[in-house]
Protein backbone atom coordinates (compact mmCIF):
# COMPACT_ATOMS: atom_id res chain seq x y z
CA ALA A 1 -116.75 108.32 -33.32
CA PHE A 2 -115.58 107.69 -29.74
CA VAL A 3 -112.62 110.04 -30.24
CA ALA A 4 -114.96 112.68 -31.67
CA THR A 5 -117.05 112.33 -28.53
CA GLY A 6 -113.99 113.06 -26.40
CA VAL A 7 -112.90 109.57 -25.30
CA LYS A 8 -109.15 109.36 -24.78
CA SER A 9 -106.49 106.95 -23.56
CA GLY A 10 -106.95 106.06 -19.91
CA ASP A 11 -110.71 106.69 -19.85
CA ILE A 12 -113.14 104.02 -18.66
CA VAL A 13 -116.18 103.55 -20.90
CA SER A 14 -119.02 101.33 -19.70
CA ILE A 15 -120.97 98.85 -21.83
CA CYS A 16 -124.21 97.23 -20.68
CA SER A 17 -125.46 94.89 -23.38
CA VAL A 18 -125.74 91.42 -24.82
CA SER A 19 -123.53 90.37 -27.76
CA THR A 20 -124.19 92.40 -30.90
CA PRO A 21 -121.78 93.45 -33.67
CA GLU A 22 -121.90 97.03 -32.38
CA ILE A 23 -120.74 95.96 -28.93
CA ILE A 24 -117.79 94.05 -30.42
CA PHE A 25 -116.93 97.06 -32.62
CA SER A 26 -116.98 99.23 -29.48
CA ILE A 27 -114.71 96.93 -27.47
CA TYR A 28 -112.03 96.95 -30.18
CA ALA A 29 -112.39 100.66 -30.94
CA LEU A 30 -111.98 101.60 -27.29
CA SER A 31 -108.98 99.29 -26.99
CA LYS A 32 -107.38 100.99 -29.99
CA ILE A 33 -107.82 104.38 -28.33
CA GLY A 34 -106.25 103.08 -25.13
CA ALA A 35 -109.44 103.27 -23.08
CA THR A 36 -110.72 100.55 -20.74
CA VAL A 37 -114.08 98.82 -21.25
CA ASN A 38 -116.20 98.35 -18.12
CA ILE A 39 -118.58 95.52 -19.04
CA LEU A 40 -121.85 95.26 -17.11
CA GLU A 41 -124.50 92.55 -17.18
CA PRO A 42 -127.88 93.87 -18.38
CA ARG A 43 -129.72 91.52 -16.01
CA ASN A 44 -128.24 93.30 -12.98
CA ASN A 45 -130.73 95.38 -11.06
CA ALA A 46 -130.59 99.17 -11.32
CA GLU A 47 -128.84 99.55 -7.96
CA ARG A 48 -126.02 97.20 -8.94
CA ILE A 49 -125.52 98.95 -12.29
CA GLU A 50 -125.45 102.30 -10.51
CA TYR A 51 -122.77 100.99 -8.12
CA TYR A 52 -120.52 99.84 -10.98
CA LEU A 53 -120.94 103.10 -12.91
CA LYS A 54 -120.10 105.16 -9.84
CA LEU A 55 -117.16 102.92 -8.98
CA THR A 56 -115.47 103.54 -12.34
CA GLU A 57 -116.70 107.14 -12.74
CA SER A 58 -117.62 106.46 -16.37
CA LYS A 59 -118.85 109.39 -18.44
CA ILE A 60 -119.83 107.35 -21.50
CA LEU A 61 -122.20 104.35 -21.58
CA VAL A 62 -123.06 102.08 -24.51
CA MET A 63 -126.22 100.13 -23.74
CA VAL A 64 -128.74 97.82 -25.34
CA ASP A 65 -132.16 99.48 -25.59
CA LYS A 66 -133.85 96.94 -23.28
CA VAL A 67 -132.08 98.34 -20.20
CA PHE A 68 -133.32 101.92 -20.73
CA PRO A 69 -135.75 101.86 -17.76
CA LYS A 70 -132.97 100.78 -15.37
CA ILE A 71 -130.45 103.31 -16.67
CA ASN A 72 -132.94 106.15 -16.76
CA ALA A 73 -133.84 105.50 -13.14
CA ILE A 74 -130.27 105.89 -11.87
CA ILE A 75 -128.39 108.01 -14.42
CA LYS A 76 -128.81 111.23 -12.42
CA ASN A 77 -126.85 109.62 -9.57
CA THR A 78 -123.85 108.81 -11.78
CA SER A 79 -121.24 110.72 -13.79
CA ILE A 80 -122.65 109.45 -17.13
CA GLU A 81 -122.95 112.29 -19.66
CA LYS A 82 -123.67 110.40 -22.91
CA VAL A 83 -125.50 107.13 -23.57
CA PHE A 84 -125.24 105.46 -26.98
CA VAL A 85 -128.23 103.21 -27.52
CA VAL A 86 -127.85 99.95 -29.46
CA SER A 87 -130.71 97.80 -30.70
CA PRO A 88 -130.13 94.07 -31.24
CA THR A 89 -131.49 94.61 -34.77
CA ASN A 90 -129.07 97.42 -35.77
CA SER A 91 -127.12 95.01 -37.99
CA ALA A 92 -130.04 92.74 -38.88
CA ALA A 93 -131.63 92.20 -42.26
CA LEU A 94 -134.27 94.73 -43.33
CA HIS A 95 -137.26 92.43 -42.82
CA ILE A 96 -136.17 91.73 -39.24
CA LYS A 97 -135.73 95.44 -38.57
CA LEU A 98 -139.22 96.15 -39.85
CA LEU A 99 -140.70 93.36 -37.73
CA SER A 100 -138.90 94.65 -34.64
CA GLN A 101 -140.57 98.05 -34.95
CA PHE A 102 -143.80 96.50 -33.69
CA LYS A 103 -142.09 95.30 -30.51
CA LYS A 104 -139.70 98.20 -29.94
CA LYS A 105 -140.06 100.16 -26.72
CA ASP A 106 -139.65 103.92 -26.69
CA VAL A 107 -136.10 104.64 -25.49
CA HIS A 108 -136.52 108.43 -25.58
CA CYS A 109 -133.34 109.19 -27.54
CA ASP A 110 -133.23 112.96 -27.03
CA GLY A 111 -130.04 113.50 -29.04
CA LYS A 112 -128.35 115.03 -25.99
CA THR A 113 -127.98 112.42 -23.24
CA TYR A 114 -129.44 109.41 -25.10
CA ILE A 115 -128.15 109.08 -28.67
CA GLU A 116 -129.13 106.36 -31.13
CA TRP A 117 -126.18 104.26 -32.35
CA ASN A 118 -126.36 105.31 -36.00
CA GLU A 119 -126.42 108.99 -35.01
CA PHE A 120 -123.36 108.41 -32.83
CA ILE A 121 -121.51 106.75 -35.73
CA LYS A 122 -122.05 109.83 -37.89
CA LYS A 123 -119.48 111.56 -35.66
CA THR A 124 -116.73 109.33 -37.07
CA GLN A 125 -113.32 110.89 -37.71
CA GLN A 126 -111.25 109.13 -40.34
CA LEU A 127 -107.71 110.01 -39.23
CA ILE A 128 -107.22 108.34 -35.86
CA ILE A 129 -103.80 107.55 -34.40
CA ALA A 130 -103.96 104.38 -32.31
CA ALA A 131 -102.59 104.41 -28.78
CA LYS A 132 -99.21 102.73 -28.31
CA TYR A 133 -99.55 99.06 -27.38
CA PHE A 134 -98.91 98.49 -23.68
CA GLU A 135 -99.08 94.91 -22.37
CA GLU A 136 -100.29 95.86 -18.91
CA HIS A 137 -103.01 98.21 -20.17
CA PRO A 138 -106.34 97.15 -18.59
CA ALA A 139 -108.38 96.21 -21.64
CA VAL A 140 -111.55 95.27 -19.77
CA ILE A 141 -113.10 95.19 -16.33
CA VAL A 142 -115.43 92.23 -15.81
CA TYR A 143 -117.27 91.44 -12.60
CA THR A 144 -117.14 88.29 -10.55
CA GLY A 145 -117.92 86.99 -7.11
CA GLY A 146 -114.29 85.90 -7.08
CA THR A 147 -113.10 83.58 -4.34
CA THR A 148 -114.80 85.43 -1.49
CA GLY A 149 -118.29 85.96 -2.92
CA VAL A 150 -118.16 89.78 -3.01
CA PRO A 151 -118.73 91.11 -6.58
CA LYS A 152 -115.53 92.78 -7.72
CA GLY A 153 -114.20 94.31 -10.93
CA VAL A 154 -111.45 92.15 -12.42
CA MET A 155 -108.97 94.09 -14.54
CA LEU A 156 -107.72 91.99 -17.47
CA SER A 157 -104.82 93.27 -19.55
CA ASP A 158 -104.19 93.31 -23.29
CA LYS A 159 -101.42 90.77 -22.63
CA ALA A 160 -103.79 88.42 -20.81
CA LEU A 161 -106.44 88.38 -23.55
CA ASN A 162 -103.84 88.03 -26.31
CA THR A 163 -101.98 85.25 -24.48
CA VAL A 164 -105.11 83.13 -24.06
CA SER A 165 -105.82 83.53 -27.77
CA LEU A 166 -102.27 82.46 -28.65
CA GLN A 167 -102.40 79.51 -26.26
CA MET A 168 -105.67 78.19 -27.67
CA SER A 169 -104.54 78.67 -31.27
CA ASN A 170 -101.99 75.92 -30.60
CA LEU A 171 -104.51 73.25 -29.59
CA ASP A 172 -104.15 70.73 -32.41
CA SER A 173 -105.70 72.93 -35.12
CA LEU A 174 -109.06 73.18 -33.37
CA PHE A 175 -109.23 76.96 -33.78
CA VAL A 176 -107.91 77.96 -37.18
CA ARG A 177 -108.69 80.37 -39.99
CA LYS A 178 -111.88 79.78 -41.99
CA LYS A 179 -113.40 77.40 -39.43
CA ARG A 180 -116.75 78.34 -37.85
CA PHE A 181 -117.29 79.21 -34.18
CA LEU A 182 -120.71 79.45 -32.50
CA ASN A 183 -120.58 81.95 -29.63
CA ILE A 184 -123.46 81.41 -27.22
CA MET A 185 -121.74 83.15 -24.29
CA PRO A 186 -122.43 86.75 -23.21
CA PRO A 187 -119.72 89.44 -23.44
CA PHE A 188 -119.95 90.47 -19.79
CA ILE A 189 -118.04 87.42 -18.47
CA ALA A 190 -114.35 86.63 -19.02
CA TYR A 191 -115.30 83.29 -20.62
CA GLY A 192 -117.44 85.14 -23.17
CA ILE A 193 -115.19 88.05 -24.13
CA THR A 194 -111.99 85.96 -24.17
CA CYS A 195 -113.02 82.55 -25.53
CA GLY A 196 -116.19 83.59 -27.36
CA ILE A 197 -115.06 86.80 -29.06
CA HIS A 198 -111.34 87.62 -28.96
CA MET A 199 -109.84 84.14 -29.32
CA PRO A 200 -111.80 82.93 -32.38
CA LEU A 201 -111.41 86.29 -34.14
CA CYS A 202 -107.65 86.26 -33.51
CA CYS A 203 -107.58 82.75 -34.99
CA GLY A 204 -109.37 83.98 -38.12
CA MET A 205 -112.56 82.05 -37.52
CA THR A 206 -116.05 83.06 -38.61
CA VAL A 207 -117.95 83.85 -35.41
CA THR A 208 -121.72 83.59 -35.17
CA ILE A 209 -123.00 85.53 -32.15
CA ILE A 210 -126.30 84.80 -30.42
CA PRO A 211 -127.55 87.90 -28.54
CA ASN A 212 -130.38 86.17 -26.70
CA PHE A 213 -129.33 82.56 -26.16
CA ALA A 214 -131.74 80.00 -24.72
CA PRO A 215 -130.27 76.52 -23.99
CA GLU A 216 -133.34 74.77 -25.42
CA ASN A 217 -132.48 76.30 -28.81
CA LEU A 218 -128.91 74.97 -28.94
CA SER A 219 -129.75 72.02 -31.20
CA LYS A 220 -131.50 74.33 -33.66
CA LEU A 221 -128.49 76.68 -33.70
CA VAL A 222 -126.01 73.83 -34.21
CA LEU A 223 -127.98 72.28 -37.08
CA LYS A 224 -128.47 75.67 -38.76
CA ASN A 225 -124.92 77.05 -38.43
CA LYS A 226 -122.92 73.79 -38.51
CA PRO A 227 -120.11 75.16 -36.31
CA ASN A 228 -116.72 73.50 -36.06
CA SER A 229 -116.40 74.71 -32.48
CA LEU A 230 -118.51 76.00 -29.63
CA MET A 231 -118.08 76.53 -25.90
CA GLY A 232 -120.56 76.47 -23.07
CA VAL A 233 -121.36 75.19 -19.61
CA PRO A 234 -122.23 71.55 -18.69
CA SER A 235 -126.00 72.12 -18.70
CA HIS A 236 -125.88 73.31 -22.34
CA TYR A 237 -124.44 70.01 -23.53
CA GLU A 238 -126.78 67.96 -21.35
CA VAL A 239 -129.74 69.68 -23.01
CA LEU A 240 -128.21 69.09 -26.45
CA ALA A 241 -127.58 65.40 -25.77
CA LYS A 242 -131.17 64.84 -24.62
CA ASP A 243 -132.84 66.81 -27.45
CA SER A 244 -134.94 64.56 -29.69
CA ARG A 245 -134.33 66.89 -32.64
CA MET A 246 -130.73 65.61 -32.76
CA LYS A 247 -131.76 62.03 -33.45
CA GLY A 248 -129.96 60.69 -36.52
CA LYS A 249 -128.09 63.95 -37.19
CA ASP A 250 -124.47 63.83 -38.35
CA LEU A 251 -122.12 66.09 -36.35
CA GLY A 252 -118.94 65.16 -38.18
CA TYR A 253 -118.16 68.86 -38.60
CA LEU A 254 -118.20 69.55 -34.83
CA ASP A 255 -114.58 68.89 -33.85
CA GLY A 256 -114.28 71.15 -30.79
CA CYS A 257 -116.86 71.18 -27.98
CA GLY A 258 -115.46 73.10 -25.01
CA VAL A 259 -117.06 73.04 -21.58
CA GLY A 260 -116.26 75.02 -18.43
CA GLY A 261 -117.73 77.41 -15.92
CA ASP A 262 -119.13 74.74 -13.60
CA ALA A 263 -118.55 71.21 -12.33
CA PHE A 264 -118.93 68.51 -15.00
CA VAL A 265 -120.27 65.49 -13.14
CA PRO A 266 -119.15 62.04 -14.41
CA SER A 267 -122.64 60.89 -15.43
CA VAL A 268 -123.15 63.95 -17.66
CA GLU A 269 -119.65 63.63 -19.13
CA THR A 270 -120.45 60.02 -20.08
CA LEU A 271 -123.83 61.05 -21.53
CA VAL A 272 -122.31 63.81 -23.67
CA ASN A 273 -119.36 61.73 -24.89
CA ASN A 274 -121.70 58.90 -25.93
CA PHE A 275 -123.89 61.45 -27.73
CA LEU A 276 -120.93 62.92 -29.63
CA SER A 277 -119.65 59.47 -30.60
CA GLU A 278 -123.07 58.31 -31.79
CA HIS A 279 -123.37 61.43 -33.98
CA ASN A 280 -119.90 61.09 -35.58
CA ALA A 281 -118.27 64.05 -33.81
CA PRO A 282 -114.49 63.44 -34.12
CA ASN A 283 -113.56 64.28 -30.50
CA LYS A 284 -114.80 63.88 -26.96
CA ILE A 285 -116.00 66.87 -24.97
CA SER A 286 -113.08 69.21 -24.17
CA LYS A 287 -113.24 70.06 -20.47
CA GLY A 288 -111.48 73.23 -19.40
CA TYR A 289 -110.68 75.00 -16.18
CA GLY A 290 -110.14 78.59 -15.24
CA MET A 291 -111.56 81.62 -13.51
CA THR A 292 -112.18 85.27 -14.26
CA GLU A 293 -109.02 86.22 -12.36
CA ILE A 294 -106.92 84.21 -14.86
CA CYS A 295 -108.73 85.57 -17.94
CA SER A 296 -111.01 82.51 -18.22
CA ALA A 297 -109.34 79.25 -19.31
CA VAL A 298 -105.90 78.09 -18.15
CA SER A 299 -106.10 74.37 -18.91
CA ALA A 300 -108.08 71.96 -21.07
CA CYS A 301 -108.53 68.43 -22.32
CA TYR A 302 -108.43 68.32 -26.10
CA SER A 303 -108.14 65.78 -28.93
CA ASP A 304 -106.49 62.63 -27.51
CA LYS A 305 -105.21 64.47 -24.41
CA ASN A 306 -108.39 63.77 -22.54
CA LYS A 307 -108.73 61.91 -19.25
CA PHE A 308 -112.15 61.14 -17.83
CA GLY A 309 -112.95 63.43 -14.90
CA SER A 310 -110.00 65.75 -15.53
CA VAL A 311 -110.06 69.42 -16.53
CA GLY A 312 -106.95 68.98 -18.64
CA ILE A 313 -103.33 70.04 -18.77
CA PRO A 314 -102.11 73.64 -18.46
CA PHE A 315 -101.82 75.74 -21.60
CA CYS A 316 -98.39 76.82 -22.84
CA LYS A 317 -96.62 79.16 -20.36
CA ASN A 318 -99.03 78.32 -17.53
CA VAL A 319 -97.63 76.58 -14.44
CA VAL A 320 -99.92 74.68 -12.05
CA ALA A 321 -98.96 73.61 -8.55
CA ILE A 322 -100.83 72.19 -5.57
CA PHE A 323 -100.16 73.77 -2.18
CA ASN A 324 -101.09 72.67 1.31
CA PRO A 325 -103.51 75.43 2.40
CA ASP A 326 -102.38 75.16 6.02
CA THR A 327 -98.59 75.13 5.60
CA GLY A 328 -98.21 76.83 2.21
CA GLU A 329 -95.86 74.05 1.09
CA GLU A 330 -96.12 72.52 -2.39
CA VAL A 331 -97.31 68.90 -2.39
CA SER A 332 -96.42 66.10 -4.81
CA TYR A 333 -98.36 64.30 -7.56
CA ASN A 334 -101.76 62.88 -6.58
CA GLU A 335 -101.72 64.74 -3.24
CA ILE A 336 -104.68 66.98 -2.51
CA GLY A 337 -104.37 70.70 -1.82
CA GLU A 338 -105.27 74.14 -3.17
CA ILE A 339 -104.83 74.58 -6.92
CA CYS A 340 -102.64 77.58 -7.77
CA PHE A 341 -101.45 79.01 -11.08
CA TYR A 342 -98.52 81.10 -12.19
CA SER A 343 -99.57 82.53 -15.54
CA PRO A 344 -99.08 85.49 -17.88
CA THR A 345 -102.87 85.69 -18.06
CA MET A 346 -103.45 86.56 -14.40
CA MET A 347 -105.46 89.68 -13.62
CA LEU A 348 -103.90 93.04 -12.91
CA GLY A 349 -106.01 93.07 -9.76
CA TYR A 350 -109.48 93.97 -8.55
CA TYR A 351 -110.40 97.54 -9.47
CA LYS A 352 -109.96 99.84 -6.44
CA ASN A 353 -109.79 96.85 -4.09
CA GLN A 354 -106.24 96.03 -3.05
CA GLU A 355 -107.34 94.14 0.07
CA GLU A 356 -109.26 91.54 -1.93
CA THR A 357 -106.53 91.45 -4.60
CA ASP A 358 -103.98 90.42 -1.97
CA LYS A 359 -106.15 87.46 -0.97
CA VAL A 360 -105.91 85.99 -4.48
CA LEU A 361 -102.53 87.12 -5.83
CA LYS A 362 -99.87 85.98 -3.35
CA ARG A 363 -96.09 86.11 -3.61
CA HIS A 364 -94.45 82.80 -2.64
CA ASN A 365 -90.94 81.90 -1.52
CA ASP A 366 -89.92 81.45 -5.17
CA ASP A 367 -90.59 85.20 -5.58
CA LYS A 368 -93.38 84.47 -8.08
CA VAL A 369 -96.92 85.80 -7.69
CA TRP A 370 -99.35 82.88 -7.73
CA VAL A 371 -103.11 82.95 -8.30
CA HIS A 372 -104.89 81.14 -5.48
CA THR A 373 -108.04 79.59 -6.95
CA ASN A 374 -109.66 78.50 -3.66
CA ASP A 375 -110.35 75.18 -5.41
CA ILE A 376 -109.17 71.86 -3.98
CA GLY A 377 -107.72 69.17 -6.24
CA TYR A 378 -104.63 67.34 -7.40
CA VAL A 379 -102.35 66.81 -10.40
CA ASP A 380 -101.40 63.32 -11.61
CA GLU A 381 -98.05 62.17 -13.01
CA ASP A 382 -99.11 63.11 -16.56
CA GLY A 383 -99.89 66.69 -15.56
CA PHE A 384 -103.70 66.36 -15.68
CA ILE A 385 -105.63 68.48 -13.19
CA PHE A 386 -108.51 67.04 -11.18
CA ILE A 387 -110.94 69.17 -9.15
CA ILE A 388 -112.30 67.80 -5.86
CA GLY A 389 -114.26 70.82 -4.68
CA SER A 390 -114.05 74.39 -3.43
CA MET A 391 -112.68 75.69 -0.15
CA LYS A 392 -115.67 78.02 0.00
CA ARG A 393 -118.68 77.86 -2.30
CA MET A 394 -120.88 80.95 -2.41
CA ILE A 395 -123.82 81.94 -4.55
CA ILE A 396 -124.61 85.64 -4.85
CA ARG A 397 -128.17 86.54 -5.87
């Protein structure tokens, strides 16, 4: 259907939506064509969405129906020619679809600029030749404040997403075929598209997606779906551990609880580990570390490789080193400095922003390009990474 619409290799197609099956179909279809997916957060204001659309000069947009007012207000200022409108209930059971009709807002699908998803799919062509696989092809552009606080488009390659999936498939059989994965993360962050969608699907897991996740509902989702694995941020697990609805429940099936995206303070780590132990979960919380510029996770604690307060050991093929930020010299074990990574999962760069790219990707005396995380920490003799803080913490609202 995308090919029939005129999308070709090298094009940038924008998506502004929460996780739905149609969005995941679109990401893989566009990848197969050789296009790049520009993923936007629906909660952004109209001005920010307009900026990202103009930056990438997208002609095609796939959006969830809820953002129609924002898109309609700015579309005339962009190069967007076609908008394919997805409803969160497109793939839902009939009774849910019927119920949603009472709440549905008029999206004004005129069949010209705004086209309903099912009408778009009718354009499908059956004989499609996939684009040749190219490791450095930018599969997605996701946005981040990065290390300087200015929102930038991070280009992540096919190689980067596939490597993370391969790395995590080797973590002591945590992510294997036929196991169940609960994805509560949105698709518009690297953590979500890499660890919540691509990795578990590559591992052959059954993935349950939650389009409109609310942390207070996590216990209900866990008890209903009985996942073997899930990933989230520290606050999600704190809410779960304190939820009275979990009292006396057996979580023996939950063997992989991954946490990242924010600092995991010792008191909360203790709380969550005690909760998991009391509910028969086989492993402690698996703390991970990473950033959008390294395609989400680059290290993790897992199974018995789990030190309190650490964010784990590097995944296969990732190299971590600590450098003195003043001299640029590498320091030894247990010495504090800036955490840097040399990894096949590093970004291709920031889209149309070489100046900011050069602040993060730096070539060292070993002739390798290292990712500078802007985080301060150390590595112990066993290779475990510990985070002390950030060289510059910024919150963009």
